[in-house]
């Protein structure tokens, strides 16, 4: 148990979140767990710091009725802490773990899908022909909207592309 406690104390929460690349609900759930963990640890330390014995001699000197002090001392001597059924809390923790595992699996699936898309895009970029080698037919096949836009401009009697001069300047010979 002390090894687990030692490992829990040495855990760097910020590094866990950043190294795993956690986002959204998973990161929020982890932060909430961290806060509950710190609150519980702080409360346990406060309770352990409090004295756990009662000085009955002090109360015998303070009170006239010694029978009350004797009766309370007997009750304290026979006191046994009650046990609690932790199954509900353990089930809650197991449900949290299951949800976290499910979320992590879903995140992994999305990341893997995105990585495949990026690899496919990178492969397309590496295998692409230079722009200078493309023909007009290939460009219009890839982007039919370019041909439609050019047809509309020509139909209106305009032979210049809107915004071209603003972006590239006037290249006509004066």
N, C-alpha and C. Protein backbone atom coordinates (compact mmCIF):
# COMPACT_ATOMS: atom_id res chain seq x y z
N UNK A 1 0.83 -1.20 0.00
CA UNK A 1 0.00 0.00 0.00
C UNK A 1 0.86 1.25 0.00
N UNK A 2 2.01 1.22 0.70
CA UNK A 2 2.85 2.42 0.75
C UNK A 2 3.48 2.70 -0.61
N UNK A 3 3.72 1.67 -1.42
CA UNK A 3 4.26 1.88 -2.76
C UNK A 3 3.23 2.60 -3.63
N UNK A 4 1.97 2.22 -3.49
CA UNK A 4 0.90 2.88 -4.24
C UNK A 4 0.78 4.33 -3.80
N UNK A 5 0.83 4.55 -2.48
CA UNK A 5 0.73 5.91 -1.95
C UNK A 5 1.91 6.75 -2.43
N UNK A 6 3.10 6.17 -2.42
CA UNK A 6 4.30 6.87 -2.88
C UNK A 6 4.18 7.23 -4.35
N UNK A 7 3.69 6.29 -5.15
CA UNK A 7 3.51 6.56 -6.59
C UNK A 7 2.46 7.63 -6.81
N UNK A 8 1.40 7.60 -6.03
CA UNK A 8 0.34 8.60 -6.17
C UNK A 8 0.85 9.99 -5.81
N UNK A 9 1.73 10.08 -4.82
CA UNK A 9 2.27 11.38 -4.43
C UNK A 9 3.22 11.94 -5.48
N UNK A 10 3.92 11.06 -6.19
CA UNK A 10 4.90 11.50 -7.18
C UNK A 10 4.28 11.76 -8.55
N UNK A 11 3.00 11.50 -8.71
CA UNK A 11 2.34 11.65 -10.00
C UNK A 11 2.26 13.12 -10.40
N UNK A 12 2.75 13.43 -11.59
CA UNK A 12 2.71 14.79 -12.12
C UNK A 12 1.49 14.89 -13.05
N UNK A 13 0.40 15.47 -12.52
CA UNK A 13 -0.87 15.50 -13.25
C UNK A 13 -0.77 16.29 -14.54
N UNK A 14 -0.06 17.40 -14.53
CA UNK A 14 0.05 18.22 -15.74
C UNK A 14 0.75 17.44 -16.85
N UNK A 15 1.77 16.68 -16.47
CA UNK A 15 2.51 15.90 -17.47
C UNK A 15 1.64 14.76 -18.01
N UNK A 16 0.81 14.17 -17.17
CA UNK A 16 -0.07 13.10 -17.63
C UNK A 16 -1.03 13.64 -18.69
N UNK A 17 -1.64 14.78 -18.41
CA UNK A 17 -2.59 15.37 -19.34
C UNK A 17 -1.92 15.75 -20.65
N UNK A 18 -0.75 16.38 -20.58
CA UNK A 18 -0.10 16.84 -21.81
C UNK A 18 0.54 15.69 -22.58
N UNK A 19 1.15 14.74 -21.90
CA UNK A 19 1.84 13.65 -22.61
C UNK A 19 0.85 12.72 -23.30
N UNK A 20 -0.32 12.54 -22.73
CA UNK A 20 -1.33 11.69 -23.36
C UNK A 20 -2.18 12.47 -24.35
N UNK A 21 -2.03 13.78 -24.35
CA UNK A 21 -2.80 14.60 -25.29
C UNK A 21 -4.29 14.55 -25.00
N UNK A 22 -4.65 14.51 -23.73
CA UNK A 22 -6.06 14.41 -23.37
C UNK A 22 -6.78 15.72 -23.62
N UNK A 23 -7.98 15.62 -24.12
CA UNK A 23 -8.77 16.80 -24.42
C UNK A 23 -10.23 16.53 -24.03
N UNK A 24 -10.98 17.59 -23.93
CA UNK A 24 -12.42 17.48 -23.75
C UNK A 24 -12.82 16.84 -22.45
N UNK A 25 -13.78 15.91 -22.57
CA UNK A 25 -14.39 15.30 -21.40
C UNK A 25 -13.38 14.48 -20.59
N UNK A 26 -12.46 13.83 -21.27
CA UNK A 26 -11.47 13.01 -20.56
C UNK A 26 -10.58 13.88 -19.69
N UNK A 27 -10.11 14.99 -20.23
CA UNK A 27 -9.25 15.90 -19.46
C UNK A 27 -10.03 16.51 -18.29
N UNK A 28 -11.29 16.86 -18.53
CA UNK A 28 -12.13 17.44 -17.48
C UNK A 28 -12.35 16.43 -16.35
N UNK A 29 -12.63 15.19 -16.72
CA UNK A 29 -12.84 14.15 -15.71
C UNK A 29 -11.56 13.90 -14.92
N UNK A 30 -10.42 13.93 -15.59
CA UNK A 30 -9.14 13.73 -14.89
C UNK A 30 -8.87 14.88 -13.93
N UNK A 31 -9.16 16.11 -14.33
CA UNK A 31 -8.96 17.26 -13.45
C UNK A 31 -9.89 17.18 -12.23
N UNK A 32 -11.13 16.75 -12.44
CA UNK A 32 -12.07 16.61 -11.33
C UNK A 32 -11.58 15.52 -10.36
N UNK A 33 -11.07 14.43 -10.91
CA UNK A 33 -10.52 13.36 -10.07
C UNK A 33 -9.33 13.86 -9.27
N UNK A 34 -8.47 14.63 -9.92
CA UNK A 34 -7.29 15.19 -9.24
C UNK A 34 -7.72 16.07 -8.07
N UNK A 35 -8.73 16.91 -8.29
CA UNK A 35 -9.21 17.81 -7.24
C UNK A 35 -9.78 17.01 -6.06
N UNK A 36 -10.59 15.98 -6.36
CA UNK A 36 -11.14 15.15 -5.29
C UNK A 36 -10.03 14.43 -4.53
N UNK A 37 -9.03 13.97 -5.25
CA UNK A 37 -7.89 13.28 -4.63
C UNK A 37 -7.14 14.21 -3.69
N UNK A 38 -6.87 15.43 -4.14
CA UNK A 38 -6.15 16.39 -3.30
C UNK A 38 -6.97 16.78 -2.08
N UNK A 39 -8.29 16.98 -2.26
CA UNK A 39 -9.15 17.32 -1.13
C UNK A 39 -9.18 16.19 -0.10
N UNK A 40 -9.29 14.96 -0.55
CA UNK A 40 -9.32 13.82 0.36
C UNK A 40 -7.98 13.68 1.09
N UNK A 41 -6.88 13.85 0.36
CA UNK A 41 -5.55 13.74 0.99
C UNK A 41 -5.38 14.84 2.05
N UNK A 42 -5.81 16.05 1.73
CA UNK A 42 -5.69 17.16 2.68
C UNK A 42 -6.54 16.90 3.93
N UNK A 43 -7.74 16.37 3.75
CA UNK A 43 -8.63 16.09 4.88
C UNK A 43 -8.04 14.98 5.77
N UNK A 44 -7.47 13.96 5.16
CA UNK A 44 -6.85 12.87 5.94
C UNK A 44 -5.68 13.42 6.75
N UNK A 45 -4.88 14.28 6.16
CA UNK A 45 -3.75 14.86 6.89
C UNK A 45 -4.23 15.70 8.07
N UNK A 46 -5.32 16.46 7.87
CA UNK A 46 -5.86 17.27 8.97
C UNK A 46 -6.34 16.37 10.11
N UNK A 47 -7.03 15.30 9.76
CA UNK A 47 -7.54 14.40 10.79
C UNK A 47 -6.41 13.66 11.50
N UNK A 48 -5.36 13.29 10.78
CA UNK A 48 -4.24 12.61 11.42
C UNK A 48 -3.47 13.54 12.34
N UNK A 49 -3.49 14.84 12.07
CA UNK A 49 -2.77 15.80 12.89
C UNK A 49 -3.48 16.06 14.22
N UNK A 50 -4.76 15.78 14.30
CA UNK A 50 -5.51 16.01 15.53
C UNK A 50 -5.14 14.94 16.57
N UNK A 51 -5.14 15.34 17.85
CA UNK A 51 -4.87 14.33 18.90
C UNK A 51 -6.00 13.30 18.93
N UNK A 52 -5.62 12.04 19.17
CA UNK A 52 -6.61 10.96 19.12
C UNK A 52 -6.89 10.36 20.50
N UNK A 53 -6.35 10.96 21.54
CA UNK A 53 -6.60 10.48 22.89
C UNK A 53 -7.29 11.58 23.69
N UNK A 54 -8.03 11.15 24.69
CA UNK A 54 -8.74 12.09 25.56
C UNK A 54 -8.07 12.05 26.93
N UNK A 55 -7.77 13.22 27.49
CA UNK A 55 -7.13 13.32 28.80
C UNK A 55 -8.23 13.37 29.86
N UNK A 56 -8.61 12.18 30.36
CA UNK A 56 -9.69 12.10 31.34
C UNK A 56 -9.28 12.68 32.68
N UNK A 57 -7.98 12.66 33.01
CA UNK A 57 -7.51 13.22 34.28
C UNK A 57 -7.79 14.73 34.30
N UNK A 58 -7.65 15.37 33.17
CA UNK A 58 -7.94 16.80 33.08
C UNK A 58 -9.41 17.07 33.40
N UNK A 59 -10.30 16.24 32.86
CA UNK A 59 -11.73 16.44 33.11
C UNK A 59 -12.13 16.06 34.53
N UNK A 60 -11.42 15.09 35.15
CA UNK A 60 -11.70 14.74 36.55
C UNK A 60 -11.36 15.93 37.46
N UNK A 61 -10.28 16.63 37.13
CA UNK A 61 -9.91 17.79 37.93
C UNK A 61 -10.81 18.98 37.66
N UNK A 62 -11.44 19.02 36.51
CA UNK A 62 -12.27 20.15 36.11
C UNK A 62 -13.72 20.00 36.59
N UNK A 63 -14.24 18.78 36.57
CA UNK A 63 -15.65 18.55 36.91
C UNK A 63 -15.79 17.98 38.33
N UNK A 64 -16.89 18.34 38.97
CA UNK A 64 -17.16 17.82 40.31
C UNK A 64 -17.76 16.42 40.24
N UNK A 65 -18.56 16.15 39.23
CA UNK A 65 -19.24 14.87 39.10
C UNK A 65 -18.30 13.86 38.43
N UNK A 66 -17.60 13.06 39.26
CA UNK A 66 -16.62 12.10 38.76
C UNK A 66 -17.29 10.92 38.06
N UNK A 67 -18.55 10.64 38.41
CA UNK A 67 -19.27 9.51 37.82
C UNK A 67 -19.46 9.72 36.32
N UNK A 68 -19.72 10.95 35.91
CA UNK A 68 -19.90 11.26 34.48
C UNK A 68 -18.61 10.99 33.74
N UNK A 69 -17.49 11.43 34.30
CA UNK A 69 -16.20 11.23 33.64
C UNK A 69 -15.90 9.74 33.54
N UNK A 70 -16.19 8.97 34.62
CA UNK A 70 -15.96 7.51 34.59
C UNK A 70 -16.83 6.84 33.53
N UNK A 71 -18.09 7.27 33.45
CA UNK A 71 -19.01 6.69 32.47
C UNK A 71 -18.54 6.99 31.05
N UNK A 72 -18.12 8.20 30.78
CA UNK A 72 -17.63 8.56 29.44
C UNK A 72 -16.35 7.80 29.12
N UNK A 73 -15.49 7.62 30.13
CA UNK A 73 -14.25 6.88 29.91
C UNK A 73 -14.55 5.42 29.57
N UNK A 74 -15.54 4.81 30.23
CA UNK A 74 -15.93 3.43 29.91
C UNK A 74 -16.48 3.34 28.48
N UNK A 75 -17.31 4.31 28.11
CA UNK A 75 -17.86 4.32 26.74
C UNK A 75 -16.74 4.46 25.70
N UNK A 76 -15.78 5.29 26.00
CA UNK A 76 -14.66 5.47 25.06
C UNK A 76 -13.83 4.20 24.96
N UNK A 77 -13.66 3.50 26.09
CA UNK A 77 -12.85 2.27 26.08
C UNK A 77 -13.55 1.16 25.30
N UNK A 78 -14.87 1.12 25.37
CA UNK A 78 -15.62 0.06 24.68
C UNK A 78 -16.04 0.45 23.26
N UNK A 79 -15.74 1.65 22.88
CA UNK A 79 -16.16 2.13 21.54
C UNK A 79 -15.42 1.37 20.44
N UNK A 80 -16.16 0.92 19.48
CA UNK A 80 -15.60 0.29 18.28
C UNK A 80 -16.17 1.04 17.07
N UNK A 81 -15.31 1.48 16.20
CA UNK A 81 -15.81 2.20 15.02
C UNK A 81 -16.69 1.28 14.17
N UNK A 82 -17.69 1.88 13.60
CA UNK A 82 -18.58 1.09 12.74
C UNK A 82 -17.93 0.90 11.38
N UNK A 83 -18.31 -0.19 10.76
CA UNK A 83 -17.75 -0.48 9.43
C UNK A 83 -18.75 0.01 8.38
N UNK A 84 -18.22 0.39 7.26
CA UNK A 84 -19.05 0.90 6.18
C UNK A 84 -18.97 -0.02 4.98
N UNK A 85 -20.08 -0.13 4.30
CA UNK A 85 -20.11 -0.90 3.06
C UNK A 85 -19.63 0.02 1.94
N UNK A 86 -18.46 -0.26 1.43
CA UNK A 86 -17.86 0.59 0.39
C UNK A 86 -18.17 0.09 -1.02
N UNK A 87 -19.04 -0.89 -1.12
CA UNK A 87 -19.31 -1.46 -2.45
C UNK A 87 -19.88 -0.41 -3.40
N UNK A 88 -20.72 0.48 -2.89
CA UNK A 88 -21.30 1.52 -3.75
C UNK A 88 -20.22 2.45 -4.29
N UNK A 89 -19.31 2.87 -3.41
CA UNK A 89 -18.22 3.74 -3.85
C UNK A 89 -17.30 3.01 -4.82
N UNK A 90 -17.02 1.74 -4.53
CA UNK A 90 -16.16 0.97 -5.42
C UNK A 90 -16.81 0.77 -6.79
N UNK A 91 -18.13 0.55 -6.79
CA UNK A 91 -18.83 0.44 -8.08
C UNK A 91 -18.76 1.75 -8.84
N UNK A 92 -18.87 2.86 -8.11
CA UNK A 92 -18.77 4.18 -8.75
C UNK A 92 -17.39 4.38 -9.36
N UNK A 93 -16.36 3.96 -8.63
CA UNK A 93 -14.99 4.08 -9.14
C UNK A 93 -14.81 3.19 -10.37
N UNK A 94 -15.34 1.98 -10.31
CA UNK A 94 -15.24 1.07 -11.45
C UNK A 94 -15.97 1.64 -12.66
N UNK A 95 -17.14 2.25 -12.42
CA UNK A 95 -17.88 2.86 -13.53
C UNK A 95 -17.09 4.03 -14.12
N UNK A 96 -16.45 4.81 -13.25
CA UNK A 96 -15.61 5.92 -13.73
C UNK A 96 -14.45 5.38 -14.56
N UNK A 97 -13.82 4.32 -14.07
CA UNK A 97 -12.71 3.72 -14.82
C UNK A 97 -13.18 3.20 -16.17
N UNK A 98 -14.34 2.55 -16.18
CA UNK A 98 -14.88 2.01 -17.44
C UNK A 98 -15.18 3.14 -18.42
N UNK A 99 -15.78 4.23 -17.91
CA UNK A 99 -16.08 5.38 -18.78
C UNK A 99 -14.80 6.02 -19.28
N UNK A 100 -13.80 6.14 -18.41
CA UNK A 100 -12.52 6.72 -18.83
C UNK A 100 -11.86 5.85 -19.88
N UNK A 101 -11.93 4.54 -19.70
CA UNK A 101 -11.35 3.62 -20.68
C UNK A 101 -12.09 3.71 -22.01
N UNK A 102 -13.42 3.81 -21.93
CA UNK A 102 -14.23 3.94 -23.15
C UNK A 102 -13.89 5.24 -23.87
N UNK A 103 -13.79 6.34 -23.11
CA UNK A 103 -13.44 7.64 -23.71
C UNK A 103 -12.04 7.61 -24.31
N UNK A 104 -11.11 6.97 -23.61
CA UNK A 104 -9.74 6.89 -24.12
C UNK A 104 -9.69 6.06 -25.40
N UNK A 105 -10.46 4.99 -25.44
CA UNK A 105 -10.51 4.16 -26.65
C UNK A 105 -11.12 4.94 -27.81
N UNK A 106 -12.18 5.70 -27.53
CA UNK A 106 -12.79 6.51 -28.58
C UNK A 106 -11.81 7.58 -29.07
N UNK A 107 -11.10 8.20 -28.13
CA UNK A 107 -10.10 9.21 -28.51
C UNK A 107 -9.00 8.58 -29.35
N UNK A 108 -8.57 7.40 -28.96
CA UNK A 108 -7.53 6.69 -29.73
C UNK A 108 -8.02 6.40 -31.14
N UNK A 109 -9.27 5.97 -31.25
CA UNK A 109 -9.84 5.69 -32.57
C UNK A 109 -9.87 6.93 -33.45
N UNK A 110 -10.30 8.06 -32.87
CA UNK A 110 -10.34 9.32 -33.64
C UNK A 110 -8.94 9.76 -34.04
N UNK A 111 -7.99 9.61 -33.13
CA UNK A 111 -6.60 10.00 -33.43
C UNK A 111 -6.03 9.11 -34.53
N UNK A 112 -6.29 7.80 -34.44
CA UNK A 112 -5.81 6.88 -35.47
C UNK A 112 -6.41 7.22 -36.83
N UNK A 113 -7.70 7.52 -36.86
CA UNK A 113 -8.36 7.90 -38.11
C UNK A 113 -7.75 9.17 -38.69
N UNK A 114 -7.52 10.15 -37.82
CA UNK A 114 -6.92 11.40 -38.28
C UNK A 114 -5.49 11.17 -38.78
N UNK A 115 -4.75 10.31 -38.10
CA UNK A 115 -3.39 10.00 -38.55
C UNK A 115 -3.40 9.34 -39.93
N UNK A 116 -4.34 8.42 -40.15
CA UNK A 116 -4.44 7.79 -41.47
C UNK A 116 -4.76 8.83 -42.54
N UNK A 117 -5.69 9.75 -42.23
CA UNK A 117 -6.02 10.80 -43.19
C UNK A 117 -4.81 11.68 -43.48
N UNK A 118 -4.07 12.02 -42.43
CA UNK A 118 -2.89 12.86 -42.63
C UNK A 118 -1.81 12.13 -43.43
N UNK A 119 -1.64 10.84 -43.17
CA UNK A 119 -0.67 10.06 -43.95
C UNK A 119 -1.07 9.99 -45.42
N UNK A 120 -2.39 9.83 -45.65
CA UNK A 120 -2.89 9.80 -47.02
C UNK A 120 -2.66 11.15 -47.70
N UNK A 121 -2.91 12.23 -46.98
CA UNK A 121 -2.69 13.57 -47.53
C UNK A 121 -1.22 13.79 -47.82
N UNK A 122 -0.36 13.37 -46.91
CA UNK A 122 1.08 13.51 -47.12
C UNK A 122 1.54 12.72 -48.34
N UNK A 123 1.00 11.52 -48.49
CA UNK A 123 1.35 10.70 -49.66
C UNK A 123 0.89 11.40 -50.94
N UNK A 124 -0.31 11.98 -50.93
CA UNK A 124 -0.80 12.71 -52.11
C UNK A 124 0.09 13.90 -52.42
N UNK A 125 0.54 14.60 -51.38
CA UNK A 125 1.42 15.76 -51.59
C UNK A 125 2.75 15.31 -52.19
N UNK A 126 3.29 14.22 -51.66
CA UNK A 126 4.59 13.75 -52.15
C UNK A 126 4.50 13.24 -53.59
N UNK A 127 3.36 12.65 -53.96
CA UNK A 127 3.21 12.09 -55.30
C UNK A 127 2.63 13.08 -56.30
N UNK A 128 2.24 14.24 -55.85
CA UNK A 128 1.60 15.22 -56.74
C UNK A 128 2.58 15.74 -57.78
N UNK A 129 2.02 16.00 -58.94
CA UNK A 129 2.84 16.59 -60.00
C UNK A 129 2.99 18.08 -59.73
N UNK A 130 4.05 18.68 -60.22
CA UNK A 130 4.21 20.12 -60.04
C UNK A 130 3.07 20.88 -60.73
N UNK A 131 2.75 22.04 -60.22
CA UNK A 131 1.65 22.85 -60.74
C UNK A 131 1.87 23.19 -62.22
N UNK A 132 3.11 23.40 -62.59
CA UNK A 132 3.42 23.78 -63.97
C UNK A 132 3.07 22.66 -64.95
N UNK A 133 3.06 21.41 -64.50
CA UNK A 133 2.79 20.27 -65.38
C UNK A 133 1.31 19.96 -65.53
N UNK A 134 0.45 20.63 -64.77
CA UNK A 134 -0.98 20.37 -64.84
C UNK A 134 -1.58 21.01 -66.09
N UNK A 135 -2.61 20.35 -66.63
CA UNK A 135 -3.33 20.92 -67.77
C UNK A 135 -4.62 21.55 -67.26
N UNK A 136 -5.24 22.36 -68.10
CA UNK A 136 -6.50 23.02 -67.74
C UNK A 136 -7.57 21.97 -67.50
N UNK A 137 -7.60 20.93 -68.33
CA UNK A 137 -8.60 19.87 -68.16
C UNK A 137 -8.46 19.17 -66.81
N UNK A 138 -7.24 18.94 -66.35
CA UNK A 138 -7.02 18.29 -65.06
C UNK A 138 -7.46 19.19 -63.91
N UNK A 139 -7.20 20.49 -64.02
CA UNK A 139 -7.60 21.43 -62.97
C UNK A 139 -9.12 21.52 -62.90
N UNK A 140 -9.79 21.62 -64.05
CA UNK A 140 -11.26 21.72 -64.05
C UNK A 140 -11.90 20.40 -63.62
N UNK A 141 -11.25 19.28 -63.87
CA UNK A 141 -11.78 18.00 -63.39
C UNK A 141 -11.69 17.92 -61.87
N UNK A 142 -10.61 18.47 -61.31
CA UNK A 142 -10.43 18.45 -59.86
C UNK A 142 -11.32 19.48 -59.17
N UNK A 143 -11.49 20.64 -59.79
CA UNK A 143 -12.30 21.72 -59.21
C UNK A 143 -13.27 22.26 -60.25
N UNK A 144 -14.44 21.64 -60.43
CA UNK A 144 -15.40 22.10 -61.44
C UNK A 144 -15.92 23.52 -61.17
N UNK A 145 -15.86 23.97 -59.95
CA UNK A 145 -16.35 25.31 -59.64
C UNK A 145 -15.52 26.40 -60.32
N UNK A 146 -14.25 26.11 -60.62
CA UNK A 146 -13.41 27.10 -61.31
C UNK A 146 -13.96 27.36 -62.71
N UNK A 147 -14.34 26.30 -63.42
CA UNK A 147 -14.86 26.45 -64.77
C UNK A 147 -16.20 27.20 -64.74
N UNK A 148 -17.04 26.90 -63.77
CA UNK A 148 -18.33 27.59 -63.65
C UNK A 148 -18.13 29.08 -63.39
N UNK A 149 -17.23 29.41 -62.48
CA UNK A 149 -16.96 30.80 -62.16
C UNK A 149 -16.40 31.54 -63.38
N UNK A 150 -15.47 30.91 -64.10
CA UNK A 150 -14.89 31.53 -65.30
C UNK A 150 -15.96 31.74 -66.36
N UNK A 151 -16.87 30.79 -66.54
CA UNK A 151 -17.95 30.92 -67.52
C UNK A 151 -18.86 32.09 -67.16
N UNK A 152 -19.18 32.26 -65.88
CA UNK A 152 -20.03 33.39 -65.46
C UNK A 152 -19.35 34.72 -65.72
N UNK A 153 -18.06 34.82 -65.41
CA UNK A 153 -17.33 36.08 -65.62
C UNK A 153 -17.29 36.42 -67.11
N UNK A 154 -17.00 35.43 -67.95
CA UNK A 154 -16.92 35.66 -69.40
C UNK A 154 -18.29 36.01 -69.95
N UNK A 155 -19.36 35.36 -69.46
CA UNK A 155 -20.72 35.65 -69.93
C UNK A 155 -21.12 37.08 -69.61
N UNK A 156 -20.60 37.65 -68.53
CA UNK A 156 -20.90 39.03 -68.17
C UNK A 156 -20.02 40.01 -68.92
N UNK A 157 -19.10 39.49 -69.72
CA UNK A 157 -18.25 40.37 -70.52
C UNK A 157 -17.02 40.88 -69.79
N UNK A 158 -16.70 40.30 -68.66
CA UNK A 158 -15.51 40.70 -67.94
C UNK A 158 -14.39 39.74 -68.27
N UNK A 159 -13.20 40.29 -68.51
CA UNK A 159 -12.08 39.43 -68.87
C UNK A 159 -10.98 39.46 -67.82
N UNK A 160 -11.24 40.11 -66.70
CA UNK A 160 -10.25 40.12 -65.61
C UNK A 160 -10.87 39.47 -64.37
N UNK A 161 -10.03 38.87 -63.58
CA UNK A 161 -10.47 38.18 -62.37
C UNK A 161 -10.60 39.21 -61.25
N UNK A 162 -11.75 39.24 -60.54
CA UNK A 162 -11.92 40.20 -59.45
C UNK A 162 -10.86 39.98 -58.36
N UNK A 163 -10.22 41.07 -57.93
CA UNK A 163 -9.23 41.01 -56.86
C UNK A 163 -7.83 40.69 -57.31
N UNK A 164 -7.65 40.40 -58.62
CA UNK A 164 -6.31 40.02 -59.10
C UNK A 164 -5.35 41.20 -59.02
N UNK A 165 -5.79 42.37 -59.49
CA UNK A 165 -4.91 43.55 -59.48
C UNK A 165 -4.56 43.97 -58.06
N UNK A 166 -5.52 43.85 -57.14
CA UNK A 166 -5.26 44.22 -55.75
C UNK A 166 -4.23 43.29 -55.12
N UNK A 167 -4.29 42.03 -55.50
CA UNK A 167 -3.40 41.06 -54.89
C UNK A 167 -2.02 41.03 -55.56
N UNK A 168 -1.99 41.07 -56.90
CA UNK A 168 -0.73 40.91 -57.61
C UNK A 168 -0.24 42.18 -58.31
N UNK A 169 -1.05 43.21 -58.34
CA UNK A 169 -0.65 44.45 -59.00
C UNK A 169 -0.96 44.41 -60.49
N UNK A 170 -0.77 45.55 -61.14
CA UNK A 170 -1.04 45.66 -62.58
C UNK A 170 0.26 45.35 -63.32
N UNK A 171 0.26 44.27 -64.08
CA UNK A 171 1.46 43.84 -64.78
C UNK A 171 1.46 44.25 -66.25
N UNK A 172 0.51 45.06 -66.66
CA UNK A 172 0.46 45.47 -68.07
C UNK A 172 1.60 46.45 -68.37
N UNK A 173 2.09 46.38 -69.60
CA UNK A 173 3.19 47.25 -70.02
C UNK A 173 2.63 48.62 -70.33
N UNK A 174 3.23 49.64 -69.81
CA UNK A 174 2.73 51.01 -70.00
C UNK A 174 3.35 51.63 -71.21
